[in-house]
Amino acid sequence: MISAKVFIRIALCGMIVSTLLFGGCDKKSEEKTAEETMENMLKVTTGKDVDVNIQGKSIKIEGQDSKAQLSETSVWPPEMFDDVPKFTTGKIEHVTKTQEGGNQTFNIFFVDIEGDALKNYTAALNEKGWQPQLMDMGKGGMIIAQKGKLGMNFSFNKEDKKGILAVFSAQ
C-alpha cells in the first residue's frame, strides 16, 4: 500500500510536470523528457519502477500494483462509483484518479462554487443513503461522509469559491 507521504510526493511530481506541460508546451520531445524526469523522480522517491505516459493534458502513471491519472478536464469522471451523486454546483478544473490493488481514489478540483453548495450536496448524499456530516467553519466548510466501503471528504473555501471532493474505496 502506498503511504500518504509517498502519495503526496507523487502528486507533487505530477503537479510540477503538469505545470510545465499545461503551460503551453505541445512538443512531443518535451513530453518525452517530462515523462523520463517524472519516472526518475518517482523511482528515487518510491524505490519502484513506474511508467509515465503524458498525452496532451493527461498524465498516466502505472506501477506494478498501482495506477494514477492526473487530468485537466471539466468532465465528471465516468468511472466514479454509482453511489456518489454528481456535484453540479461548481465547475470541474482537474481530476486525479488513483488505484492501488482494490482501492480507488478520485480527487475532483472545483472552482466557481456558489451559495449553499455543501448544504445541497449533503441533502443529495442523504438521498443516496450516505451518512454525511456537514461542518460550516465560517469562511469555508467540509463534508465528511461514509457509505459502506466508500468514504468522502469535500472541503470548500467560500472566499475563493474553490473546493476539493475526495472519494475513496477501501477493500
N, C-alpha and C. Protein backbone atom coordinates (compact mmCIF):
# COMPACT_ATOMS: atom_id res chain seq x y z
N MET A 1 0.85 -1.18 0.00
CA MET A 1 0.00 0.00 0.00
C MET A 1 0.89 1.24 0.00
N ILE A 2 0.50 2.23 -0.71
CA ILE A 2 1.27 3.45 -0.84
C ILE A 2 1.00 4.33 0.38
N SER A 3 2.04 4.84 0.99
CA SER A 3 1.85 5.68 2.17
C SER A 3 1.41 7.08 1.76
N ALA A 4 0.85 7.79 2.71
CA ALA A 4 0.39 9.16 2.44
C ALA A 4 1.55 10.03 2.01
N LYS A 5 2.72 9.84 2.63
CA LYS A 5 3.90 10.64 2.31
C LYS A 5 4.32 10.41 0.86
N VAL A 6 4.32 9.14 0.43
CA VAL A 6 4.70 8.81 -0.95
C VAL A 6 3.66 9.35 -1.92
N PHE A 7 2.36 9.20 -1.57
CA PHE A 7 1.30 9.71 -2.44
C PHE A 7 1.45 11.22 -2.63
N ILE A 8 1.75 11.94 -1.56
CA ILE A 8 1.93 13.40 -1.65
C ILE A 8 3.10 13.72 -2.58
N ARG A 9 4.17 12.95 -2.47
CA ARG A 9 5.32 13.18 -3.36
C ARG A 9 4.95 12.91 -4.81
N ILE A 10 4.19 11.84 -5.03
CA ILE A 10 3.76 11.53 -6.41
C ILE A 10 2.89 12.65 -6.95
N ALA A 11 1.93 13.10 -6.14
CA ALA A 11 1.05 14.18 -6.57
C ALA A 11 1.85 15.45 -6.85
N LEU A 12 2.84 15.75 -5.99
CA LEU A 12 3.67 16.93 -6.18
C LEU A 12 4.45 16.83 -7.49
N CYS A 13 5.03 15.65 -7.75
CA CYS A 13 5.74 15.46 -9.02
C CYS A 13 4.80 15.68 -10.19
N GLY A 14 3.59 15.12 -10.08
CA GLY A 14 2.60 15.28 -11.15
C GLY A 14 2.25 16.73 -11.37
N MET A 15 2.08 17.48 -10.28
CA MET A 15 1.73 18.89 -10.42
C MET A 15 2.87 19.68 -11.06
N ILE A 16 4.11 19.36 -10.70
CA ILE A 16 5.25 20.06 -11.29
C ILE A 16 5.31 19.80 -12.79
N VAL A 17 5.21 18.53 -13.16
CA VAL A 17 5.26 18.18 -14.58
C VAL A 17 4.07 18.76 -15.33
N SER A 18 2.88 18.67 -14.71
CA SER A 18 1.70 19.20 -15.40
C SER A 18 1.78 20.70 -15.57
N THR A 19 2.35 21.40 -14.61
CA THR A 19 2.53 22.84 -14.74
C THR A 19 3.42 23.16 -15.94
N LEU A 20 4.48 22.39 -16.08
CA LEU A 20 5.37 22.60 -17.22
C LEU A 20 4.67 22.31 -18.54
N LEU A 21 3.91 21.22 -18.57
CA LEU A 21 3.27 20.82 -19.82
C LEU A 21 2.04 21.64 -20.14
N PHE A 22 1.18 21.87 -19.13
CA PHE A 22 -0.08 22.54 -19.37
C PHE A 22 0.12 24.03 -19.63
N GLY A 23 1.34 24.50 -19.46
CA GLY A 23 1.63 25.90 -19.68
C GLY A 23 1.76 26.26 -21.14
N GLY A 24 1.55 25.33 -22.04
CA GLY A 24 1.56 25.67 -23.44
C GLY A 24 2.53 24.86 -24.28
N CYS A 25 3.27 23.94 -23.68
CA CYS A 25 4.20 23.13 -24.45
C CYS A 25 3.46 21.96 -25.06
N ASP A 26 3.49 21.85 -26.37
CA ASP A 26 2.81 20.75 -27.05
C ASP A 26 3.79 19.90 -27.84
N LYS A 27 5.07 20.04 -27.62
CA LYS A 27 6.06 19.32 -28.40
C LYS A 27 6.28 17.93 -27.83
N LYS A 28 6.29 16.93 -28.69
CA LYS A 28 6.44 15.53 -28.27
C LYS A 28 7.76 15.31 -27.53
N SER A 29 8.85 15.93 -27.96
CA SER A 29 10.14 15.72 -27.29
C SER A 29 10.11 16.26 -25.86
N GLU A 30 9.39 17.35 -25.64
CA GLU A 30 9.27 17.89 -24.28
C GLU A 30 8.43 16.97 -23.41
N GLU A 31 7.39 16.35 -23.99
CA GLU A 31 6.59 15.38 -23.24
C GLU A 31 7.45 14.18 -22.85
N LYS A 32 8.27 13.70 -23.79
CA LYS A 32 9.15 12.55 -23.52
C LYS A 32 10.14 12.87 -22.42
N THR A 33 10.73 14.04 -22.46
CA THR A 33 11.67 14.46 -21.42
C THR A 33 10.96 14.55 -20.07
N ALA A 34 9.77 15.11 -20.06
CA ALA A 34 9.00 15.22 -18.82
C ALA A 34 8.64 13.83 -18.28
N GLU A 35 8.28 12.90 -19.17
CA GLU A 35 7.97 11.53 -18.74
C GLU A 35 9.18 10.89 -18.07
N GLU A 36 10.34 11.01 -18.71
CA GLU A 36 11.56 10.41 -18.15
C GLU A 36 11.94 11.06 -16.82
N THR A 37 11.82 12.37 -16.73
CA THR A 37 12.13 13.07 -15.49
C THR A 37 11.21 12.61 -14.36
N MET A 38 9.93 12.51 -14.65
CA MET A 38 8.97 12.08 -13.64
C MET A 38 9.21 10.63 -13.23
N GLU A 39 9.51 9.75 -14.20
CA GLU A 39 9.81 8.36 -13.88
C GLU A 39 11.00 8.26 -12.95
N ASN A 40 12.06 9.03 -13.23
CA ASN A 40 13.25 9.02 -12.38
C ASN A 40 12.95 9.56 -10.99
N MET A 41 12.18 10.65 -10.90
CA MET A 41 11.84 11.22 -9.58
C MET A 41 11.03 10.23 -8.75
N LEU A 42 10.09 9.55 -9.40
CA LEU A 42 9.26 8.58 -8.68
C LEU A 42 10.06 7.36 -8.26
N LYS A 43 11.02 6.93 -9.08
CA LYS A 43 11.87 5.79 -8.70
C LYS A 43 12.70 6.16 -7.47
N VAL A 44 13.25 7.36 -7.46
CA VAL A 44 14.03 7.79 -6.30
C VAL A 44 13.14 7.89 -5.06
N THR A 45 11.94 8.41 -5.23
CA THR A 45 11.02 8.60 -4.11
C THR A 45 10.46 7.30 -3.57
N THR A 46 10.04 6.40 -4.47
CA THR A 46 9.35 5.18 -4.04
C THR A 46 10.23 3.93 -4.06
N GLY A 47 11.33 3.98 -4.82
CA GLY A 47 12.16 2.80 -4.98
C GLY A 47 11.59 1.81 -5.98
N LYS A 48 10.53 2.19 -6.68
CA LYS A 48 9.86 1.28 -7.62
C LYS A 48 9.85 1.88 -9.02
N ASP A 49 9.91 1.00 -10.01
CA ASP A 49 9.81 1.44 -11.40
C ASP A 49 8.36 1.74 -11.74
N VAL A 50 8.14 2.83 -12.46
CA VAL A 50 6.82 3.20 -12.96
C VAL A 50 6.95 3.63 -14.40
N ASP A 51 5.83 3.57 -15.09
CA ASP A 51 5.76 4.04 -16.47
C ASP A 51 4.90 5.29 -16.48
N VAL A 52 5.43 6.37 -16.98
CA VAL A 52 4.69 7.63 -17.06
C VAL A 52 4.37 7.89 -18.53
N ASN A 53 3.10 8.18 -18.79
CA ASN A 53 2.65 8.45 -20.15
C ASN A 53 1.90 9.78 -20.16
N ILE A 54 2.44 10.74 -20.88
CA ILE A 54 1.82 12.06 -20.97
C ILE A 54 1.17 12.19 -22.34
N GLN A 55 -0.13 12.47 -22.32
CA GLN A 55 -0.88 12.66 -23.57
C GLN A 55 -1.66 13.95 -23.44
N GLY A 56 -1.16 14.99 -24.06
CA GLY A 56 -1.85 16.28 -24.00
C GLY A 56 -1.95 16.78 -22.58
N LYS A 57 -3.17 16.87 -22.05
CA LYS A 57 -3.39 17.41 -20.72
C LYS A 57 -3.70 16.30 -19.71
N SER A 58 -3.18 15.10 -19.96
CA SER A 58 -3.39 13.98 -19.08
C SER A 58 -2.06 13.27 -18.81
N ILE A 59 -1.83 12.91 -17.56
CA ILE A 59 -0.63 12.17 -17.17
C ILE A 59 -1.09 10.87 -16.53
N LYS A 60 -0.61 9.74 -17.07
CA LYS A 60 -0.92 8.42 -16.51
C LYS A 60 0.37 7.84 -15.94
N ILE A 61 0.26 7.31 -14.72
CA ILE A 61 1.39 6.70 -14.04
C ILE A 61 0.97 5.28 -13.68
N GLU A 62 1.76 4.29 -14.13
CA GLU A 62 1.44 2.90 -13.82
C GLU A 62 2.65 2.22 -13.24
N GLY A 63 2.42 1.54 -12.11
CA GLY A 63 3.44 0.72 -11.47
C GLY A 63 2.94 -0.70 -11.41
N GLN A 64 3.69 -1.55 -10.75
CA GLN A 64 3.33 -2.96 -10.68
C GLN A 64 1.96 -3.17 -10.04
N ASP A 65 1.68 -2.48 -8.94
CA ASP A 65 0.43 -2.67 -8.21
C ASP A 65 -0.44 -1.42 -8.15
N SER A 66 -0.10 -0.39 -8.90
CA SER A 66 -0.86 0.85 -8.76
C SER A 66 -0.94 1.61 -10.08
N LYS A 67 -1.96 2.48 -10.14
CA LYS A 67 -2.17 3.35 -11.30
C LYS A 67 -2.60 4.71 -10.78
N ALA A 68 -2.23 5.75 -11.50
CA ALA A 68 -2.69 7.10 -11.19
C ALA A 68 -2.87 7.86 -12.50
N GLN A 69 -3.85 8.75 -12.52
CA GLN A 69 -4.08 9.59 -13.69
C GLN A 69 -4.40 10.99 -13.20
N LEU A 70 -3.71 11.98 -13.74
CA LEU A 70 -3.96 13.38 -13.45
C LEU A 70 -4.43 14.03 -14.75
N SER A 71 -5.59 14.67 -14.73
CA SER A 71 -6.15 15.23 -15.96
C SER A 71 -6.67 16.63 -15.74
N GLU A 72 -6.37 17.50 -16.69
CA GLU A 72 -7.03 18.80 -16.72
C GLU A 72 -8.28 18.58 -17.56
N THR A 73 -9.44 18.63 -16.90
CA THR A 73 -10.70 18.31 -17.55
C THR A 73 -11.83 19.07 -16.89
N SER A 74 -12.95 19.14 -17.55
CA SER A 74 -14.14 19.76 -16.97
C SER A 74 -15.27 18.75 -16.87
N VAL A 75 -14.93 17.45 -16.96
CA VAL A 75 -15.92 16.39 -17.01
C VAL A 75 -15.89 15.55 -15.73
N TRP A 76 -17.08 15.25 -15.21
CA TRP A 76 -17.22 14.34 -14.07
C TRP A 76 -16.66 12.98 -14.49
N PRO A 77 -15.83 12.33 -13.64
CA PRO A 77 -15.22 11.06 -14.04
C PRO A 77 -16.27 9.99 -14.35
N PRO A 78 -16.28 9.43 -15.55
CA PRO A 78 -17.27 8.41 -15.89
C PRO A 78 -17.12 7.14 -15.06
N GLU A 79 -15.93 6.90 -14.50
CA GLU A 79 -15.68 5.71 -13.69
C GLU A 79 -16.08 5.90 -12.22
N MET A 80 -16.62 7.06 -11.89
CA MET A 80 -16.99 7.34 -10.49
C MET A 80 -17.97 6.28 -10.00
N PHE A 81 -17.87 5.94 -8.73
CA PHE A 81 -18.77 4.97 -8.11
C PHE A 81 -20.22 5.41 -8.29
N ASP A 82 -21.10 4.45 -8.59
CA ASP A 82 -22.52 4.75 -8.84
C ASP A 82 -23.21 5.41 -7.65
N ASP A 83 -22.77 5.09 -6.44
CA ASP A 83 -23.42 5.62 -5.23
C ASP A 83 -23.05 7.08 -4.92
N VAL A 84 -22.17 7.66 -5.71
CA VAL A 84 -21.74 9.04 -5.46
C VAL A 84 -22.56 9.98 -6.34
N PRO A 85 -23.37 10.85 -5.71
CA PRO A 85 -24.13 11.81 -6.53
C PRO A 85 -23.20 12.82 -7.19
N LYS A 86 -23.53 13.19 -8.39
CA LYS A 86 -22.73 14.17 -9.13
C LYS A 86 -22.89 15.55 -8.48
N PHE A 87 -21.76 16.21 -8.25
CA PHE A 87 -21.77 17.57 -7.72
C PHE A 87 -21.81 18.52 -8.91
N THR A 88 -22.85 19.33 -9.01
CA THR A 88 -23.05 20.15 -10.21
C THR A 88 -23.02 21.65 -9.95
N THR A 89 -22.76 22.05 -8.71
CA THR A 89 -22.81 23.48 -8.39
C THR A 89 -21.60 24.25 -8.89
N GLY A 90 -20.45 23.63 -9.00
CA GLY A 90 -19.24 24.31 -9.47
C GLY A 90 -18.77 23.75 -10.80
N LYS A 91 -17.64 24.26 -11.24
CA LYS A 91 -17.04 23.83 -12.49
C LYS A 91 -15.81 22.97 -12.17
N ILE A 92 -15.70 21.80 -12.81
CA ILE A 92 -14.56 20.93 -12.59
C ILE A 92 -13.35 21.50 -13.33
N GLU A 93 -12.21 21.54 -12.63
CA GLU A 93 -10.98 22.06 -13.21
C GLU A 93 -9.95 20.95 -13.45
N HIS A 94 -9.80 20.05 -12.48
CA HIS A 94 -8.84 18.94 -12.57
C HIS A 94 -9.44 17.70 -11.92
N VAL A 95 -8.97 16.54 -12.36
CA VAL A 95 -9.36 15.27 -11.74
C VAL A 95 -8.12 14.41 -11.62
N THR A 96 -7.94 13.80 -10.45
CA THR A 96 -6.91 12.78 -10.29
C THR A 96 -7.60 11.49 -9.88
N LYS A 97 -7.12 10.39 -10.45
CA LYS A 97 -7.63 9.07 -10.12
C LYS A 97 -6.44 8.20 -9.77
N THR A 98 -6.55 7.46 -8.66
CA THR A 98 -5.51 6.52 -8.30
C THR A 98 -6.14 5.18 -7.98
N GLN A 99 -5.39 4.14 -8.25
CA GLN A 99 -5.84 2.79 -7.94
C GLN A 99 -4.65 2.01 -7.43
N GLU A 100 -4.83 1.38 -6.28
CA GLU A 100 -3.79 0.53 -5.73
C GLU A 100 -4.48 -0.73 -5.22
N GLY A 101 -4.20 -1.84 -5.88
CA GLY A 101 -4.91 -3.06 -5.54
C GLY A 101 -6.40 -2.84 -5.79
N GLY A 102 -7.22 -3.15 -4.79
CA GLY A 102 -8.66 -2.95 -4.92
C GLY A 102 -9.14 -1.59 -4.46
N ASN A 103 -8.24 -0.73 -4.03
CA ASN A 103 -8.61 0.60 -3.52
C ASN A 103 -8.51 1.64 -4.63
N GLN A 104 -9.52 2.50 -4.69
CA GLN A 104 -9.54 3.59 -5.68
C GLN A 104 -9.79 4.91 -4.98
N THR A 105 -9.22 5.97 -5.54
CA THR A 105 -9.45 7.32 -5.04
C THR A 105 -9.66 8.26 -6.21
N PHE A 106 -10.65 9.14 -6.07
CA PHE A 106 -10.90 10.21 -7.03
C PHE A 106 -10.76 11.53 -6.28
N ASN A 107 -10.00 12.46 -6.83
CA ASN A 107 -9.93 13.83 -6.31
C ASN A 107 -10.39 14.75 -7.43
N ILE A 108 -11.47 15.49 -7.16
CA ILE A 108 -12.04 16.38 -8.16
C ILE A 108 -11.92 17.80 -7.63
N PHE A 109 -11.25 18.64 -8.39
CA PHE A 109 -10.99 20.03 -8.00
C PHE A 109 -12.01 20.93 -8.68
N PHE A 110 -12.75 21.69 -7.88
CA PHE A 110 -13.81 22.56 -8.39
C PHE A 110 -13.46 24.04 -8.21
N VAL A 111 -13.99 24.86 -9.11
CA VAL A 111 -13.93 26.32 -9.00
C VAL A 111 -15.35 26.85 -9.20
N ASP A 112 -15.56 28.10 -8.87
CA ASP A 112 -16.85 28.78 -9.07
C ASP A 112 -18.01 28.10 -8.33
N ILE A 113 -17.75 27.67 -7.11
CA ILE A 113 -18.80 27.04 -6.30
C ILE A 113 -19.61 28.16 -5.65
N GLU A 114 -20.92 28.08 -5.76
CA GLU A 114 -21.79 29.14 -5.27
C GLU A 114 -22.62 28.72 -4.06
N GLY A 115 -23.03 29.70 -3.31
CA GLY A 115 -24.05 29.61 -2.28
C GLY A 115 -24.05 28.43 -1.35
N ASP A 116 -25.17 27.75 -1.33
CA ASP A 116 -25.41 26.64 -0.41
C ASP A 116 -24.97 25.30 -1.00
N ALA A 117 -23.88 25.30 -1.71
CA ALA A 117 -23.44 24.10 -2.42
C ALA A 117 -23.26 22.90 -1.48
N LEU A 118 -22.58 23.11 -0.36
CA LEU A 118 -22.33 21.99 0.54
C LEU A 118 -23.61 21.52 1.21
N LYS A 119 -24.47 22.44 1.57
CA LYS A 119 -25.75 22.08 2.18
C LYS A 119 -26.59 21.25 1.20
N ASN A 120 -26.65 21.68 -0.05
CA ASN A 120 -27.40 20.95 -1.07
C ASN A 120 -26.78 19.58 -1.37
N TYR A 121 -25.44 19.51 -1.38
CA TYR A 121 -24.78 18.24 -1.65
C TYR A 121 -24.98 17.27 -0.49
N THR A 122 -25.01 17.79 0.73
CA THR A 122 -25.29 16.95 1.90
C THR A 122 -26.67 16.31 1.76
N ALA A 123 -27.65 17.08 1.30
CA ALA A 123 -29.00 16.54 1.08
C ALA A 123 -28.99 15.45 0.01
N ALA A 124 -28.22 15.67 -1.07
CA ALA A 124 -28.13 14.66 -2.14
C ALA A 124 -27.47 13.38 -1.63
N LEU A 125 -26.47 13.53 -0.77
CA LEU A 125 -25.82 12.36 -0.18
C LEU A 125 -26.81 11.57 0.69
N ASN A 126 -27.59 12.29 1.50
CA ASN A 126 -28.60 11.64 2.34
C ASN A 126 -29.57 10.83 1.49
N GLU A 127 -29.99 11.40 0.36
CA GLU A 127 -30.93 10.72 -0.53
C GLU A 127 -30.36 9.42 -1.09
N LYS A 128 -29.02 9.36 -1.25
CA LYS A 128 -28.36 8.17 -1.79
C LYS A 128 -27.94 7.19 -0.69
N GLY A 129 -28.32 7.48 0.57
CA GLY A 129 -28.02 6.56 1.66
C GLY A 129 -26.68 6.75 2.35
N TRP A 130 -26.01 7.86 2.08
CA TRP A 130 -24.75 8.17 2.74
C TRP A 130 -25.04 8.66 4.17
N GLN A 131 -24.01 8.67 4.99
CA GLN A 131 -24.07 9.22 6.34
C GLN A 131 -23.15 10.44 6.38
N PRO A 132 -23.64 11.60 5.91
CA PRO A 132 -22.77 12.79 5.84
C PRO A 132 -22.81 13.62 7.12
N GLN A 133 -21.71 14.30 7.36
CA GLN A 133 -21.62 15.30 8.42
C GLN A 133 -21.13 16.59 7.78
N LEU A 134 -21.91 17.65 7.90
CA LEU A 134 -21.56 18.95 7.34
C LEU A 134 -21.00 19.82 8.45
N MET A 135 -19.84 20.39 8.20
CA MET A 135 -19.22 21.30 9.16
C MET A 135 -19.05 22.66 8.50
N ASP A 136 -19.75 23.66 9.00
CA ASP A 136 -19.63 25.03 8.49
C ASP A 136 -18.62 25.75 9.37
N MET A 137 -17.55 26.25 8.76
CA MET A 137 -16.48 26.89 9.51
C MET A 137 -16.32 28.36 9.14
N GLY A 138 -17.42 29.03 8.88
CA GLY A 138 -17.36 30.45 8.57
C GLY A 138 -16.94 30.72 7.15
N LYS A 139 -15.63 30.81 6.92
CA LYS A 139 -15.11 31.12 5.58
C LYS A 139 -14.97 29.88 4.71
N GLY A 140 -15.36 28.76 5.24
CA GLY A 140 -15.27 27.51 4.50
C GLY A 140 -16.11 26.45 5.16
N GLY A 141 -15.98 25.27 4.65
CA GLY A 141 -16.74 24.18 5.22
C GLY A 141 -16.22 22.85 4.72
N MET A 142 -16.81 21.78 5.28
CA MET A 142 -16.36 20.44 4.91
C MET A 142 -17.50 19.46 5.10
N ILE A 143 -17.54 18.49 4.22
CA ILE A 143 -18.43 17.35 4.38
C ILE A 143 -17.55 16.12 4.56
N ILE A 144 -17.88 15.32 5.54
CA ILE A 144 -17.27 14.01 5.72
C ILE A 144 -18.42 13.02 5.64
N ALA A 145 -18.29 12.00 4.79
CA ALA A 145 -19.40 11.07 4.61
C ALA A 145 -18.89 9.65 4.39
N GLN A 146 -19.76 8.70 4.72
CA GLN A 146 -19.42 7.30 4.51
C GLN A 146 -20.66 6.52 4.09
N LYS A 147 -20.42 5.55 3.22
CA LYS A 147 -21.48 4.62 2.81
C LYS A 147 -20.80 3.29 2.50
N GLY A 148 -20.98 2.32 3.38
CA GLY A 148 -20.33 1.02 3.20
C GLY A 148 -18.82 1.18 3.16
N LYS A 149 -18.21 0.68 2.08
CA LYS A 149 -16.75 0.76 1.94
C LYS A 149 -16.30 2.04 1.24
N LEU A 150 -17.24 2.95 0.97
CA LEU A 150 -16.92 4.22 0.33
C LEU A 150 -16.85 5.32 1.38
N GLY A 151 -15.92 6.22 1.18
CA GLY A 151 -15.82 7.39 2.05
C GLY A 151 -15.54 8.62 1.21
N MET A 152 -15.80 9.78 1.79
CA MET A 152 -15.51 11.03 1.07
C MET A 152 -15.24 12.17 2.03
N ASN A 153 -14.48 13.11 1.52
CA ASN A 153 -14.24 14.40 2.17
C ASN A 153 -14.45 15.46 1.09
N PHE A 154 -15.14 16.51 1.43
CA PHE A 154 -15.32 17.61 0.49
C PHE A 154 -15.03 18.89 1.26
N SER A 155 -13.93 19.55 0.94
CA SER A 155 -13.60 20.82 1.57
C SER A 155 -13.87 21.95 0.60
N PHE A 156 -14.31 23.07 1.16
CA PHE A 156 -14.75 24.19 0.34
C PHE A 156 -14.33 25.50 1.00
N ASN A 157 -13.79 26.42 0.20
CA ASN A 157 -13.42 27.74 0.68
C ASN A 157 -14.39 28.74 0.07
N LYS A 158 -15.16 29.40 0.92
CA LYS A 158 -16.19 30.33 0.43
C LYS A 158 -15.60 31.59 -0.19
N GLU A 159 -14.41 32.02 0.27
CA GLU A 159 -13.81 33.25 -0.26
C GLU A 159 -13.36 33.11 -1.70
N ASP A 160 -12.64 32.03 -2.02
CA ASP A 160 -12.19 31.88 -3.41
C ASP A 160 -13.09 30.94 -4.22
N LYS A 161 -14.15 30.43 -3.58
CA LYS A 161 -15.16 29.59 -4.25
C LYS A 161 -14.57 28.34 -4.88
N LYS A 162 -13.57 27.75 -4.19
CA LYS A 162 -12.92 26.53 -4.66
C LYS A 162 -13.16 25.40 -3.67
N GLY A 163 -13.13 24.18 -4.21
CA GLY A 163 -13.30 23.03 -3.35
C GLY A 163 -12.68 21.79 -3.94
N ILE A 164 -12.46 20.80 -3.07
CA ILE A 164 -11.91 19.52 -3.50
C ILE A 164 -12.79 18.42 -2.93
N LEU A 165 -13.27 17.58 -3.83
CA LEU A 165 -14.04 16.40 -3.45
C LEU A 165 -13.13 15.19 -3.59
N ALA A 166 -12.90 14.49 -2.46
CA ALA A 166 -12.09 13.28 -2.47
C ALA A 166 -13.01 12.12 -2.13
N VAL A 167 -13.10 11.14 -3.03
CA VAL A 167 -13.93 9.96 -2.85
C VAL A 167 -13.00 8.75 -2.92
N PHE A 168 -13.15 7.83 -1.97
CA PHE A 168 -12.25 6.69 -1.93
C PHE A 168 -12.98 5.42 -1.51
N SER A 169 -12.47 4.30 -2.00
CA SER A 169 -12.98 3.00 -1.61
C SER A 169 -11.89 2.29 -0.84
N ALA A 170 -12.29 1.48 0.13
CA ALA A 170 -11.35 0.68 0.91
C ALA A 170 -11.81 -0.76 0.85
N GLN A 171 -10.98 -1.62 0.35
CA GLN A 171 -11.33 -3.05 0.25
C GLN A 171 -10.81 -3.80 1.45
